[in-house]
PDB file of N, CA and C in Angstrom:
ATOM      1  N   MET A   1      51.479  84.455  85.190  1.00  0.00           N
ATOM      2  CA  MET A   1      51.936  85.540  86.017  1.00  0.00           C
ATOM      3  C   MET A   1      53.399  85.308  86.399  1.00  0.00           C
ATOM      4  N   ALA A   2      54.234  86.310  86.193  1.00  0.00           N
ATOM      5  CA  ALA A   2      55.667  86.201  86.464  1.00  0.00           C
ATOM      6  C   ALA A   2      55.926  86.272  87.963  1.00  0.00           C
ATOM      7  N   PRO A   3      56.965  85.542  88.429  1.00  0.00           N
ATOM      8  CA  PRO A   3      57.276  85.614  89.855  1.00  0.00           C
ATOM      9  C   PRO A   3      57.830  86.985  90.230  1.00  0.00           C
ATOM     10  N   LYS A   4      57.546  87.392  91.439  1.00  0.00           N
ATOM     11  CA  LYS A   4      57.991  88.695  91.929  1.00  0.00           C
ATOM     12  C   LYS A   4      59.489  88.646  92.247  1.00  0.00           C
ATOM     13  N   VAL A   5      60.227  89.623  91.744  1.00  0.00           N
ATOM     14  CA  VAL A   5      61.673  89.691  91.963  1.00  0.00           C
ATOM     15  C   VAL A   5      61.960  90.918  92.816  1.00  0.00           C
ATOM     16  N   SER A   6      62.728  90.713  93.885  1.00  0.00           N
ATOM     17  CA  SER A   6      63.050  91.841  94.750  1.00  0.00           C
ATOM     18  C   SER A   6      64.090  92.735  94.094  1.00  0.00           C
ATOM     19  N   LYS A   7      64.194  93.970  94.585  1.00  0.00           N
ATOM     20  CA  LYS A   7      65.073  94.945  93.952  1.00  0.00           C
ATOM     21  C   LYS A   7      66.547  94.657  94.186  1.00  0.00           C
ATOM     22  N   PHE A   8      66.880  93.832  95.184  1.00  0.00           N
ATOM     23  CA  PHE A   8      68.287  93.541  95.395  1.00  0.00           C
ATOM     24  C   PHE A   8      68.629  92.097  95.045  1.00  0.00           C
ATOM     25  N   ALA A   9      67.744  91.402  94.302  1.00  0.00           N
ATOM     26  CA  ALA A   9      67.996  90.033  93.874  1.00  0.00           C
ATOM     27  C   ALA A   9      69.241  89.903  92.985  1.00  0.00           C
ATOM     28  N   PRO A  10      69.528  90.861  92.084  1.00  0.00           N
ATOM     29  CA  PRO A  10      70.719  90.685  91.254  1.00  0.00           C
ATOM     30  C   PRO A  10      72.023  90.708  92.056  1.00  0.00           C
ATOM     31  N   PHE A  11      72.014  91.275  93.241  1.00  0.00           N
ATOM     32  CA  PHE A  11      73.227  91.384  94.037  1.00  0.00           C
ATOM     33  C   PHE A  11      73.392  90.249  95.031  1.00  0.00           C
ATOM     34  N   ARG A  12      72.306  89.574  95.361  1.00  0.00           N
ATOM     35  CA  ARG A  12      72.342  88.561  96.416  1.00  0.00           C
ATOM     36  C   ARG A  12      73.201  87.379  95.999  1.00  0.00           C
ATOM     37  N   SER A  13      74.083  86.939  96.896  1.00  0.00           N
ATOM     38  CA  SER A  13      74.930  85.790  96.597  1.00  0.00           C
ATOM     39  C   SER A  13      74.126  84.511  96.782  1.00  0.00           C
ATOM     40  N   LYS A  14      74.551  83.477  96.088  1.00  0.00           N
ATOM     41  CA  LYS A  14      73.835  82.200  96.159  1.00  0.00           C
ATOM     42  C   LYS A  14      74.039  81.525  97.514  1.00  0.00           C
ATOM     43  N   LYS A  15      75.261  81.667  98.064  1.00  0.00           N
ATOM     44  CA  LYS A  15      75.548  81.073  99.354  1.00  0.00           C
ATOM     45  C   LYS A  15      75.873  82.177 100.348  1.00  0.00           C
ATOM     46  N   LEU A  16      75.213  82.155 101.483  1.00  0.00           N
ATOM     47  CA  LEU A  16      75.430  83.181 102.503  1.00  0.00           C
ATOM     48  C   LEU A  16      76.583  82.772 103.410  1.00  0.00           C
ATOM     49  N   ASP A  17      77.436  83.732 103.725  1.00  0.00           N
ATOM     50  CA  ASP A  17      78.527  83.485 104.654  1.00  0.00           C
ATOM     51  C   ASP A  17      78.260  84.198 105.972  1.00  0.00           C
ATOM     52  N   LEU A  18      77.019  84.114 106.399  1.00  0.00           N
ATOM     53  CA  LEU A  18      76.614  84.731 107.660  1.00  0.00           C
ATOM     54  C   LEU A  18      76.713  83.702 108.777  1.00  0.00           C
ATOM     55  N   GLY A  19      77.271  84.124 109.895  1.00  0.00           N
ATOM     56  CA  GLY A  19      77.326  83.242 111.044  1.00  0.00           C
ATOM     57  C   GLY A  19      76.562  83.845 112.204  1.00  0.00           C
ATOM     58  N   CYS A  20      75.463  84.504 111.912  1.00  0.00           N
ATOM     59  CA  CYS A  20      74.734  85.211 112.951  1.00  0.00           C
ATOM     60  C   CYS A  20      73.236  85.059 112.703  1.00  0.00           C
ATOM     61  N   PHE A  21      72.475  85.773 113.509  1.00  0.00           N
ATOM     62  CA  PHE A  21      71.023  85.813 113.368  1.00  0.00           C
ATOM     63  C   PHE A  21      70.658  86.298 111.970  1.00  0.00           C
ATOM     64  N   VAL A  22      69.659  85.689 111.349  1.00  0.00           N
ATOM     65  CA  VAL A  22      69.297  86.068 109.984  1.00  0.00           C
ATOM     66  C   VAL A  22      67.821  86.445 109.919  1.00  0.00           C
ATOM     67  N   ASN A  23      67.557  87.651 109.443  1.00  0.00           N
ATOM     68  CA  ASN A  23      66.222  88.061 109.042  1.00  0.00           C
ATOM     69  C   ASN A  23      66.380  88.913 107.788  1.00  0.00           C
ATOM     70  N   THR A  24      65.309  89.439 107.269  1.00  0.00           N
ATOM     71  CA  THR A  24      65.397  90.157 105.997  1.00  0.00           C
ATOM     72  C   THR A  24      66.266  91.397 106.090  1.00  0.00           C
ATOM     73  N   LEU A  25      66.231  92.093 107.221  1.00  0.00           N
ATOM     74  CA  LEU A  25      67.047  93.293 107.373  1.00  0.00           C
ATOM     75  C   LEU A  25      68.531  92.950 107.398  1.00  0.00           C
ATOM     76  N   VAL A  26      68.883  91.875 108.062  1.00  0.00           N
ATOM     77  CA  VAL A  26      70.282  91.447 108.120  1.00  0.00           C
ATOM     78  C   VAL A  26      70.747  91.008 106.737  1.00  0.00           C
ATOM     79  N   LEU A  27      69.890  90.271 106.017  1.00  0.00           N
ATOM     80  CA  LEU A  27      70.230  89.841 104.660  1.00  0.00           C
ATOM     81  C   LEU A  27      70.462  91.040 103.747  1.00  0.00           C
ATOM     82  N   ARG A  28      69.604  92.026 103.840  1.00  0.00           N
ATOM     83  CA  ARG A  28      69.733  93.215 103.002  1.00  0.00           C
ATOM     84  C   ARG A  28      71.012  93.981 103.326  1.00  0.00           C
ATOM     85  N   ASP A  29      71.305  94.120 104.618  1.00  0.00           N
ATOM     86  CA  ASP A  29      72.517  94.828 105.021  1.00  0.00           C
ATOM     87  C   ASP A  29      73.760  94.055 104.578  1.00  0.00           C
ATOM     88  N   HIS A  30      73.729  92.736 104.687  1.00  0.00           N
ATOM     89  CA  HIS A  30      74.849  91.901 104.246  1.00  0.00           C
ATOM     90  C   HIS A  30      75.078  92.065 102.745  1.00  0.00           C
ATOM     91  N   THR A  31      74.003  92.089 101.985  1.00  0.00           N
ATOM     92  CA  THR A  31      74.102  92.273 100.536  1.00  0.00           C
ATOM     93  C   THR A  31      74.696  93.638 100.213  1.00  0.00           C
ATOM     94  N   LYS A  32      74.252  94.665 100.907  1.00  0.00           N
ATOM     95  CA  LYS A  32      74.775  96.015 100.680  1.00  0.00           C
ATOM     96  C   LYS A  32      76.270  96.076 100.968  1.00  0.00           C
ATOM     97  N   ARG A  33      76.702  95.426 102.042  1.00  0.00           N
ATOM     98  CA  ARG A  33      78.127  95.418 102.376  1.00  0.00           C
ATOM     99  C   ARG A  33      78.951  94.725 101.303  1.00  0.00           C
ATOM    100  N   LYS A  34      78.459  93.608 100.789  1.00  0.00           N
ATOM    101  CA  LYS A  34      79.175  92.870  99.746  1.00  0.00           C
ATOM    102  C   LYS A  34      79.272  93.688  98.457  1.00  0.00           C
ATOM    103  N   VAL A  35      78.179  94.301  98.056  1.00  0.00           N
ATOM    104  CA  VAL A  35      78.161  95.101  96.830  1.00  0.00           C
ATOM    105  C   VAL A  35      79.080  96.310  96.984  1.00  0.00           C
ATOM    106  N   PHE A  36      79.027  96.971  98.138  1.00  0.00           N
ATOM    107  CA  PHE A  36      79.875  98.135  98.378  1.00  0.00           C
ATOM    108  C   PHE A  36      81.352  97.744  98.312  1.00  0.00           C
ATOM    109  N   GLU A  37      81.695  96.600  98.908  1.00  0.00           N
ATOM    110  CA  GLU A  37      83.085  96.146  98.918  1.00  0.00           C
ATOM    111  C   GLU A  37      83.593  95.874  97.499  1.00  0.00           C
ATOM    112  N   LYS A  38      82.710  95.332  96.662  1.00  0.00           N
ATOM    113  CA  LYS A  38      83.108  94.986  95.297  1.00  0.00           C
ATOM    114  C   LYS A  38      83.278  96.221  94.414  1.00  0.00           C
ATOM    115  N   VAL A  39      82.455  97.249  94.610  1.00  0.00           N
ATOM    116  CA  VAL A  39      82.411  98.398  93.705  1.00  0.00           C
ATOM    117  C   VAL A  39      83.200  99.606  94.223  1.00  0.00           C
ATOM    118  N   GLU A  40      83.673  99.558  95.457  1.00  0.00           N
ATOM    119  CA  GLU A  40      84.322 100.724  96.058  1.00  0.00           C
ATOM    120  C   GLU A  40      85.530 101.251  95.276  1.00  0.00           C
ATOM    121  N   PRO A  41      86.442 100.408  94.741  1.00  0.00           N
ATOM    122  CA  PRO A  41      87.560 100.975  93.953  1.00  0.00           C
ATOM    123  C   PRO A  41      87.094 101.786  92.742  1.00  0.00           C
ATOM    124  N   GLN A  42      86.044 101.321  92.093  1.00  0.00           N
ATOM    125  CA  GLN A  42      85.500 102.047  90.939  1.00  0.00           C
ATOM    126  C   GLN A  42      84.911 103.392  91.379  1.00  0.00           C
ATOM    127  N   ARG A  43      84.201 103.400  92.510  1.00  0.00           N
ATOM    128  CA  ARG A  43      83.637 104.655  93.021  1.00  0.00           C
ATOM    129  C   ARG A  43      84.742 105.645  93.384  1.00  0.00           C
ATOM    130  N   GLN A  44      85.817 105.165  93.995  1.00  0.00           N
ATOM    131  CA  GLN A  44      86.924 106.043  94.364  1.00  0.00           C
ATOM    132  C   GLN A  44      87.586 106.636  93.124  1.00  0.00           C
ATOM    133  N   ALA A  45      87.733 105.825  92.072  1.00  0.00           N
ATOM    134  CA  ALA A  45      88.335 106.328  90.840  1.00  0.00           C
ATOM    135  C   ALA A  45      87.460 107.417  90.220  1.00  0.00           C
ATOM    136  N   LEU A  46      86.158 107.198  90.205  1.00  0.00           N
ATOM    137  CA  LEU A  46      85.251 108.200  89.645  1.00  0.00           C
ATOM    138  C   LEU A  46      85.273 109.486  90.474  1.00  0.00           C
ATOM    139  N   ARG A  47      85.305 109.354  91.792  1.00  0.00           N
ATOM    140  CA  ARG A  47      85.364 110.545  92.643  1.00  0.00           C
ATOM    141  C   ARG A  47      86.669 111.310  92.437  1.00  0.00           C
ATOM    142  N   TYR A  48      87.771 110.579  92.210  1.00  0.00           N
ATOM    143  CA  TYR A  48      89.052 111.240  91.938  1.00  0.00           C
ATOM    144  C   TYR A  48      88.983 112.034  90.639  1.00  0.00           C
ATOM    145  N   ILE A  49      88.388 111.448  89.612  1.00  0.00           N
ATOM    146  CA  ILE A  49      88.257 112.131  88.315  1.00  0.00           C
ATOM    147  C   ILE A  49      87.394 113.381  88.461  1.00  0.00           C
ATOM    148  N   ILE A  50      86.311 113.279  89.208  1.00  0.00           N
ATOM    149  CA  ILE A  50      85.401 114.414  89.384  1.00  0.00           C
ATOM    150  C   ILE A  50      86.109 115.574  90.086  1.00  0.00           C
ATOM    151  N   ARG A  51      86.927 115.284  91.076  1.00  0.00           N
ATOM    152  CA  ARG A  51      87.577 116.337  91.859  1.00  0.00           C
ATOM    153  C   ARG A  51      88.853 116.892  91.226  1.00  0.00           C
ATOM    154  N   ASN A  52      89.392 116.191  90.220  1.00  0.00           N
ATOM    155  CA  ASN A  52      90.636 116.626  89.589  1.00  0.00           C
ATOM    156  C   ASN A  52      90.349 117.766  88.609  1.00  0.00           C
ATOM    157  N   THR A  53      90.713 118.980  88.970  1.00  0.00           N
ATOM    158  CA  THR A  53      90.394 120.148  88.145  1.00  0.00           C
ATOM    159  C   THR A  53      91.298 120.283  86.932  1.00  0.00           C
ATOM    160  N   SER A  54      92.393 119.521  86.873  1.00  0.00           N
ATOM    161  CA  SER A  54      93.276 119.607  85.711  1.00  0.00           C
ATOM    162  C   SER A  54      92.754 118.799  84.524  1.00  0.00           C
ATOM    163  N   LEU A  55      91.769 117.940  84.751  1.00  0.00           N
ATOM    164  CA  LEU A  55      91.188 117.143  83.658  1.00  0.00           C
ATOM    165  C   LEU A  55      90.153 117.974  82.904  1.00  0.00           C
ATOM    166  N   PRO A  56      89.859 117.587  81.648  1.00  0.00           N
ATOM    167  CA  PRO A  56      88.836 118.320  80.881  1.00  0.00           C
ATOM    168  C   PRO A  56      87.455 118.227  81.540  1.00  0.00           C
ATOM    169  N   GLN A  57      86.685 119.282  81.377  1.00  0.00           N
ATOM    170  CA  GLN A  57      85.355 119.359  82.003  1.00  0.00           C
ATOM    171  C   GLN A  57      84.437 118.253  81.509  1.00  0.00           C
ATOM    172  N   ARG A  58      84.562 117.887  80.242  1.00  0.00           N
ATOM    173  CA  ARG A  58      83.706 116.845  79.677  1.00  0.00           C
ATOM    174  C   ARG A  58      83.953 115.493  80.358  1.00  0.00           C
ATOM    175  N   MET A  59      85.218 115.169  80.575  1.00  0.00           N
ATOM    176  CA  MET A  59      85.565 113.910  81.238  1.00  0.00           C
ATOM    177  C   MET A  59      85.032 113.893  82.671  1.00  0.00           C
ATOM    178  N   ARG A  60      85.161 115.015  83.361  1.00  0.00           N
ATOM    179  CA  ARG A  60      84.663 115.109  84.733  1.00  0.00           C
ATOM    180  C   ARG A  60      83.144 114.971  84.782  1.00  0.00           C
ATOM    181  N   ALA A  61      82.457 115.556  83.815  1.00  0.00           N
ATOM    182  CA  ALA A  61      80.992 115.458  83.761  1.00  0.00           C
ATOM    183  C   ALA A  61      80.549 114.025  83.480  1.00  0.00           C
ATOM    184  N   GLN A  62      81.278 113.331  82.599  1.00  0.00           N
ATOM    185  CA  GLN A  62      80.944 111.932  82.313  1.00  0.00           C
ATOM    186  C   GLN A  62      81.145 111.062  83.556  1.00  0.00           C
ATOM    187  N   ALA A  63      82.212 111.315  84.302  1.00  0.00           N
ATOM    188  CA  ALA A  63      82.464 110.561  85.530  1.00  0.00           C
ATOM    189  C   ALA A  63      81.362 110.826  86.556  1.00  0.00           C
ATOM    190  N   GLN A  64      80.918 112.073  86.627  1.00  0.00           N
ATOM    191  CA  GLN A  64      79.847 112.413  87.570  1.00  0.00           C
ATOM    192  C   GLN A  64      78.546 111.723  87.178  1.00  0.00           C
ATOM    193  N   LEU A  65      78.277 111.644  85.898  1.00  0.00           N
ATOM    194  CA  LEU A  65      77.072 110.965  85.417  1.00  0.00           C
ATOM    195  C   LEU A  65      77.134 109.468  85.729  1.00  0.00           C
ATOM    196  N   GLN A  66      78.306 108.855  85.514  1.00  0.00           N
ATOM    197  CA  GLN A  66      78.465 107.435  85.828  1.00  0.00           C
ATOM    198  C   GLN A  66      78.263 107.179  87.323  1.00  0.00           C
ATOM    199  N   LEU A  67      78.797 108.070  88.132  1.00  0.00           N
ATOM    200  CA  LEU A  67      78.676 107.896  89.580  1.00  0.00           C
ATOM    201  C   LEU A  67      77.222 108.002  90.032  1.00  0.00           C
ATOM    202  N   THR A  68      76.476 108.931  89.460  1.00  0.00           N
ATOM    203  CA  THR A  68      75.072 109.091  89.862  1.00  0.00           C
ATOM    204  C   THR A  68      74.198 107.961  89.340  1.00  0.00           C
ATOM    205  N   GLN A  69      74.621 107.289  88.279  1.00  0.00           N
ATOM    206  CA  GLN A  69      73.819 106.203  87.719  1.00  0.00           C
ATOM    207  C   GLN A  69      74.115 104.850  88.360  1.00  0.00           C
ATOM    208  N   MET A  70      75.091 104.798  89.253  1.00  0.00           N
ATOM    209  CA  MET A  70      75.387 103.542  89.943  1.00  0.00           C
ATOM    210  C   MET A  70      74.246 103.208  90.901  1.00  0.00           C
ATOM    211  N   HIS A  71      74.077 101.927  91.179  1.00  0.00           N
ATOM    212  CA  HIS A  71      73.005 101.467  92.054  1.00  0.00           C
ATOM    213  C   HIS A  71      73.183 102.032  93.457  1.00  0.00           C
ATOM    214  N   CYS A  72      72.071 102.232  94.148  1.00  0.00           N
ATOM    215  CA  CYS A  72      72.128 102.854  95.481  1.00  0.00           C
ATOM    216  C   CYS A  72      72.853 101.964  96.489  1.00  0.00           C
ATOM    217  N   TYR A  73      72.921 100.653  96.264  1.00  0.00           N
ATOM    218  CA  TYR A  73      73.600  99.756  97.202  1.00  0.00           C
ATOM    219  C   TYR A  73      75.106  99.920  97.170  1.00  0.00           C
ATOM    220  N   THR A  74      75.631 100.679  96.209  1.00  0.00           N
ATOM    221  CA  THR A  74      77.071 100.893  96.140  1.00  0.00           C
ATOM    222  C   THR A  74      77.507 102.076  96.994  1.00  0.00           C
ATOM    223  N   ARG A  75      76.572 102.778  97.605  1.00  0.00           N
ATOM    224  CA  ARG A  75      76.901 103.950  98.420  1.00  0.00           C
ATOM    225  C   ARG A  75      77.228 103.536  99.853  1.00  0.00           C
ATOM    226  N   PRO A  76      78.233 104.180 100.453  1.00  0.00           N
ATOM    227  CA  PRO A  76      78.584 103.816 101.835  1.00  0.00           C
ATOM    228  C   PRO A  76      77.515 104.207 102.849  1.00  0.00           C
ATOM    229  N   THR A  77      76.668 105.171 102.522  1.00  0.00           N
ATOM    230  CA  THR A  77      75.635 105.604 103.463  1.00  0.00           C
ATOM    231  C   THR A  77      74.515 104.579 103.598  1.00  0.00           C
ATOM    232  N   GLN A  78      74.461 103.601 102.709  1.00  0.00           N
ATOM    233  CA  GLN A  78      73.423 102.579 102.767  1.00  0.00           C
ATOM    234  C   GLN A  78      73.714 101.521 103.834  1.00  0.00           C
ATOM    235  N   ILE A  79      74.975 101.431 104.257  1.00  0.00           N
ATOM    236  CA  ILE A  79      75.372 100.399 105.209  1.00  0.00           C
ATOM    237  C   ILE A  79      75.004 100.840 106.623  1.00  0.00           C
ATOM    238  N   LYS A  80      74.353  99.947 107.356  1.00  0.00           N
ATOM    239  CA  LYS A  80      73.935 100.242 108.727  1.00  0.00           C
ATOM    240  C   LYS A  80      74.491  99.165 109.642  1.00  0.00           C
ATOM    241  N   ASN A  81      75.005  99.587 110.789  1.00  0.00           N
ATOM    242  CA  ASN A  81      75.497  98.611 111.755  1.00  0.00           C
ATOM    243  C   ASN A  81      74.311  97.885 112.371  1.00  0.00           C
ATOM    244  N   ARG A  82      74.407  96.558 112.406  1.00  0.00           N
ATOM    245  CA  ARG A  82      73.357  95.734 112.990  1.00  0.00           C
ATOM    246  C   ARG A  82      73.962  94.741 113.959  1.00  0.00           C
ATOM    247  N   CYS A  83      73.176  94.379 114.947  1.00  0.00           N
ATOM    248  CA  CYS A  83      73.604  93.410 115.943  1.00  0.00           C
ATOM    249  C   CYS A  83      73.760  92.037 115.288  1.00  0.00           C
ATOM    250  N   ILE A  84      74.893  91.357 115.557  1.00  0.00           N
ATOM    251  CA  ILE A  84      75.105  90.045 114.969  1.00  0.00           C
ATOM    252  C   ILE A  84      74.320  88.962 115.691  1.00  0.00           C
ATOM    253  N   MET A  85      73.820  89.269 116.874  1.00  0.00           N
ATOM    254  CA  MET A  85      73.070  88.290 117.646  1.00  0.00           C
ATOM    255  C   MET A  85      71.565  88.389 117.392  1.00  0.00           C
ATOM    256  N   ALA A  86      71.054  89.617 117.287  1.00  0.00           N
ATOM    257  CA  ALA A  86      69.602  89.783 117.194  1.00  0.00           C
ATOM    258  C   ALA A  86      69.155  90.513 115.934  1.00  0.00           C
ATOM    259  N   GLY A  87      70.066  91.111 115.199  1.00  0.00           N
ATOM    260  CA  GLY A  87      69.688  91.846 114.005  1.00  0.00           C
ATOM    261  C   GLY A  87      69.147  93.231 114.290  1.00  0.00           C
ATOM    262  N   ARG A  88      69.265  93.676 115.526  1.00  0.00           N
ATOM    263  CA  ARG A  88      68.743  94.975 115.925  1.00  0.00           C
ATOM    264  C   ARG A  88      69.588  96.088 115.327  1.00  0.00           C
ATOM    265  N   GLY A  89      68.954  97.200 114.967  1.00  0.00           N
ATOM    266  CA  GLY A  89      69.651  98.298 114.321  1.00  0.00           C
ATOM    267  C   GLY A  89      69.948  99.487 115.202  1.00  0.00           C
ATOM    268  N   LYS A  90      69.512  99.454 116.435  1.00  0.00           N
ATOM    269  CA  LYS A  90      69.753 100.592 117.339  1.00  0.00           C
ATOM    270  C   LYS A  90      70.552 100.142 118.552  1.00  0.00           C
ATOM    271  N   GLY A  91      71.303 101.060 119.124  1.00  0.00           N
ATOM    272  CA  GLY A  91      72.064 100.779 120.331  1.00  0.00           C
ATOM    273  C   GLY A  91      73.179  99.781 120.109  1.00  0.00           C
ATOM    274  N   ILE A  92      73.927  99.914 119.006  1.00  0.00           N
ATOM    275  CA  ILE A  92      74.980  98.969 118.666  1.00  0.00           C
ATOM    276  C   ILE A  92      76.311  99.440 119.233  1.00  0.00           C
ATOM    277  N   LEU A  93      77.020  98.556 119.922  1.00  0.00           N
ATOM    278  CA  LEU A  93      78.377  98.832 120.382  1.00  0.00           C
ATOM    279  C   LEU A  93      79.316  98.396 119.264  1.00  0.00           C
ATOM    280  N   GLY A  94      79.982  99.359 118.660  1.00  0.00           N
ATOM    281  CA  GLY A  94      80.759  99.108 117.449  1.00  0.00           C
ATOM    282  C   GLY A  94      81.880  98.103 117.607  1.00  0.00           C
ATOM    283  N   ASP A  95      82.566  98.114 118.767  1.00  0.00           N
ATOM    284  CA  ASP A  95      83.692  97.203 118.966  1.00  0.00           C
ATOM    285  C   ASP A  95      83.258  95.744 118.993  1.00  0.00           C
ATOM    286  N   PHE A  96      82.044  95.488 119.424  1.00  0.00           N
ATOM    287  CA  PHE A  96      81.563  94.120 119.579  1.00  0.00           C
ATOM    288  C   PHE A  96      80.507  93.739 118.549  1.00  0.00           C
ATOM    289  N   ARG A  97      79.994  94.727 117.815  1.00  0.00           N
ATOM    290  CA  ARG A  97      78.925  94.533 116.824  1.00  0.00           C
ATOM    291  C   ARG A  97      77.706  93.850 117.450  1.00  0.00           C
ATOM    292  N   MET A  98      77.385  94.282 118.671  1.00  0.00           N
ATOM    293  CA  MET A  98      76.223  93.760 119.384  1.00  0.00           C
ATOM    294  C   MET A  98      75.409  94.911 119.924  1.00  0.00           C
ATOM    295  N   SER A  99      74.103  94.668 120.071  1.00  0.00           N
ATOM    296  CA  SER A  99      73.264  95.672 120.707  1.00  0.00           C
ATOM    297  C   SER A  99      73.591  95.685 122.198  1.00  0.00           C
ATOM    298  N   ARG A 100      73.225  96.768 122.843  1.00  0.00           N
ATOM    299  CA  ARG A 100      73.587  96.916 124.254  1.00  0.00           C
ATOM    300  C   ARG A 100      72.971  95.824 125.122  1.00  0.00           C
ATOM    301  N   PHE A 101      71.771  95.390 124.757  1.00  0.00           N
ATOM    302  CA  PHE A 101      71.115  94.338 125.542  1.00  0.00           C
ATOM    303  C   PHE A 101      71.834  92.996 125.365  1.00  0.00           C
ATOM    304  N   GLN A 102      72.144  92.636 124.122  1.00  0.00           N
ATOM    305  CA  GLN A 102      72.850  91.381 123.867  1.00  0.00           C
ATOM    306  C   GLN A 102      74.250  91.406 124.471  1.00  0.00           C
ATOM    307  N   PHE A 103      74.890  92.580 124.423  1.00  0.00           N
ATOM    308  CA  PHE A 103      76.219  92.716 125.035  1.00  0.00           C
ATOM    309  C   PHE A 103      76.137  92.439 126.533  1.00  0.00           C
ATOM    310  N   ARG A 104      75.127  93.003 127.174  1.00  0.00           N
ATOM    311  CA  ARG A 104      74.973  92.815 128.615  1.00  0.00           C
ATOM    312  C   ARG A 104      74.747  91.341 128.956  1.00  0.00           C
ATOM    313  N   LEU A 105      73.859  90.683 128.190  1.00  0.00           N
ATOM    314  CA  LEU A 105      73.584  89.268 128.450  1.00  0.00           C
ATOM    315  C   LEU A 105      74.837  88.413 128.279  1.00  0.00           C
ATOM    316  N   ASN A 106      75.572  88.641 127.202  1.00  0.00           N
ATOM    317  CA  ASN A 106      76.767  87.845 126.927  1.00  0.00           C
ATOM    318  C   ASN A 106      77.896  88.157 127.903  1.00  0.00           C
ATOM    319  N   ALA A 107      78.021  89.412 128.312  1.00  0.00           N
ATOM    320  CA  ALA A 107      79.064  89.775 129.273  1.00  0.00           C
ATOM    321  C   ALA A 107      78.785  89.142 130.633  1.00  0.00           C
ATOM    322  N   LEU A 108      77.535  89.169 131.078  1.00  0.00           N
ATOM    323  CA  LEU A 108      77.185  88.566 132.365  1.00  0.00           C
ATOM    324  C   LEU A 108      77.341  87.048 132.330  1.00  0.00           C
ATOM    325  N   ALA A 109      77.111  86.452 131.164  1.00  0.00           N
ATOM    326  CA  ALA A 109      77.268  85.005 131.037  1.00  0.00           C
ATOM    327  C   ALA A 109      78.733  84.606 130.878  1.00  0.00           C
ATOM    328  N   GLY A 110      79.621  85.592 130.675  1.00  0.00           N
ATOM    329  CA  GLY A 110      81.049  85.300 130.535  1.00  0.00           C
ATOM    330  C   GLY A 110      81.452  84.882 129.139  1.00  0.00           C
ATOM    331  N   ASN A 111      80.633  85.190 128.139  1.00  0.00           N
ATOM    332  CA  ASN A 111      80.931  84.791 126.778  1.00  0.00           C
ATOM    333  C   ASN A 111      81.851  85.744 126.032  1.00  0.00           C
ATOM    334  N   ILE A 112      82.094  86.935 126.597  1.00  0.00           N
ATOM    335  CA  ILE A 112      82.954  87.924 125.955  1.00  0.00           C
ATOM    336  C   ILE A 112      84.251  87.992 126.761  1.00  0.00           C
ATOM    337  N   PRO A 113      85.381  87.548 126.191  1.00  0.00           N
ATOM    338  CA  PRO A 113      86.620  87.544 126.949  1.00  0.00           C
ATOM    339  C   PRO A 113      87.106  88.950 127.284  1.00  0.00           C
ATOM    340  N   GLY A 114      87.597  89.149 128.489  1.00  0.00           N
ATOM    341  CA  GLY A 114      88.134  90.421 128.925  1.00  0.00           C
ATOM    342  C   GLY A 114      87.114  91.399 129.416  1.00  0.00           C
ATOM    343  N   VAL A 115      85.843  91.028 129.430  1.00  0.00           N
ATOM    344  CA  VAL A 115      84.783  91.933 129.886  1.00  0.00           C
ATOM    345  C   VAL A 115      84.185  91.384 131.169  1.00  0.00           C
ATOM    346  N   LYS A 116      84.142  92.210 132.200  1.00  0.00           N
ATOM    347  CA  LYS A 116      83.491  91.800 133.433  1.00  0.00           C
ATOM    348  C   LYS A 116      82.707  92.961 133.992  1.00  0.00           C
ATOM    349  N   LYS A 117      81.803  92.669 134.872  1.00  0.00           N
ATOM    350  CA  LYS A 117      80.949  93.685 135.461  1.00  0.00           C
ATOM    351  C   LYS A 117      81.770  94.614 136.347  1.00  0.00           C
ATOM    352  N   ALA A 118      81.535  95.904 136.192  1.00  0.00           N
ATOM    353  CA  ALA A 118      82.282  96.889 136.969  1.00  0.00           C
ATOM    354  C   ALA A 118      81.744  96.955 138.391  1.00  0.00           C
ATOM    355  N   SER A 119      82.656  97.115 139.318  1.00  0.00           N
ATOM    356  CA  SER A 119      82.264  97.364 140.707  1.00  0.00           C
ATOM    357  C   SER A 119      83.336  98.231 141.321  1.00  0.00           C
ATOM    358  N   TRP A 120      82.917  99.307 141.942  1.00  0.00           N
ATOM    359  CA  TRP A 120      83.892 100.211 142.577  1.00  0.00           C
ATOM    360  C   TRP A 120      83.363 100.790 143.838  1.00  0.00           C
TER     361      TRP A 120
END
């Protein structure tokens, strides 16, 4: 019996450069970000060819076919913001890349420079 291979195994790097909480969702999101970063110039070139009306229709159709046949991990819509502390996918503060709960805990503990509890 052959070992089971996950659908994103060909993209996964051998060494992870993550310095945060790790679970399967974080690993998958990290892989998607790496793949998107590597393939983005090619996607932009194909999108430019598709939108350029001065090019022949056949060339534009071939570019559109290539773009649709690319792996789903190369799409920017696949990337989701996740908390670097807990891996949570909801309630993320974009500037800090933390969920609201983790942000509150770290801010109260004084771990985030320049952030203090408001009082007025």
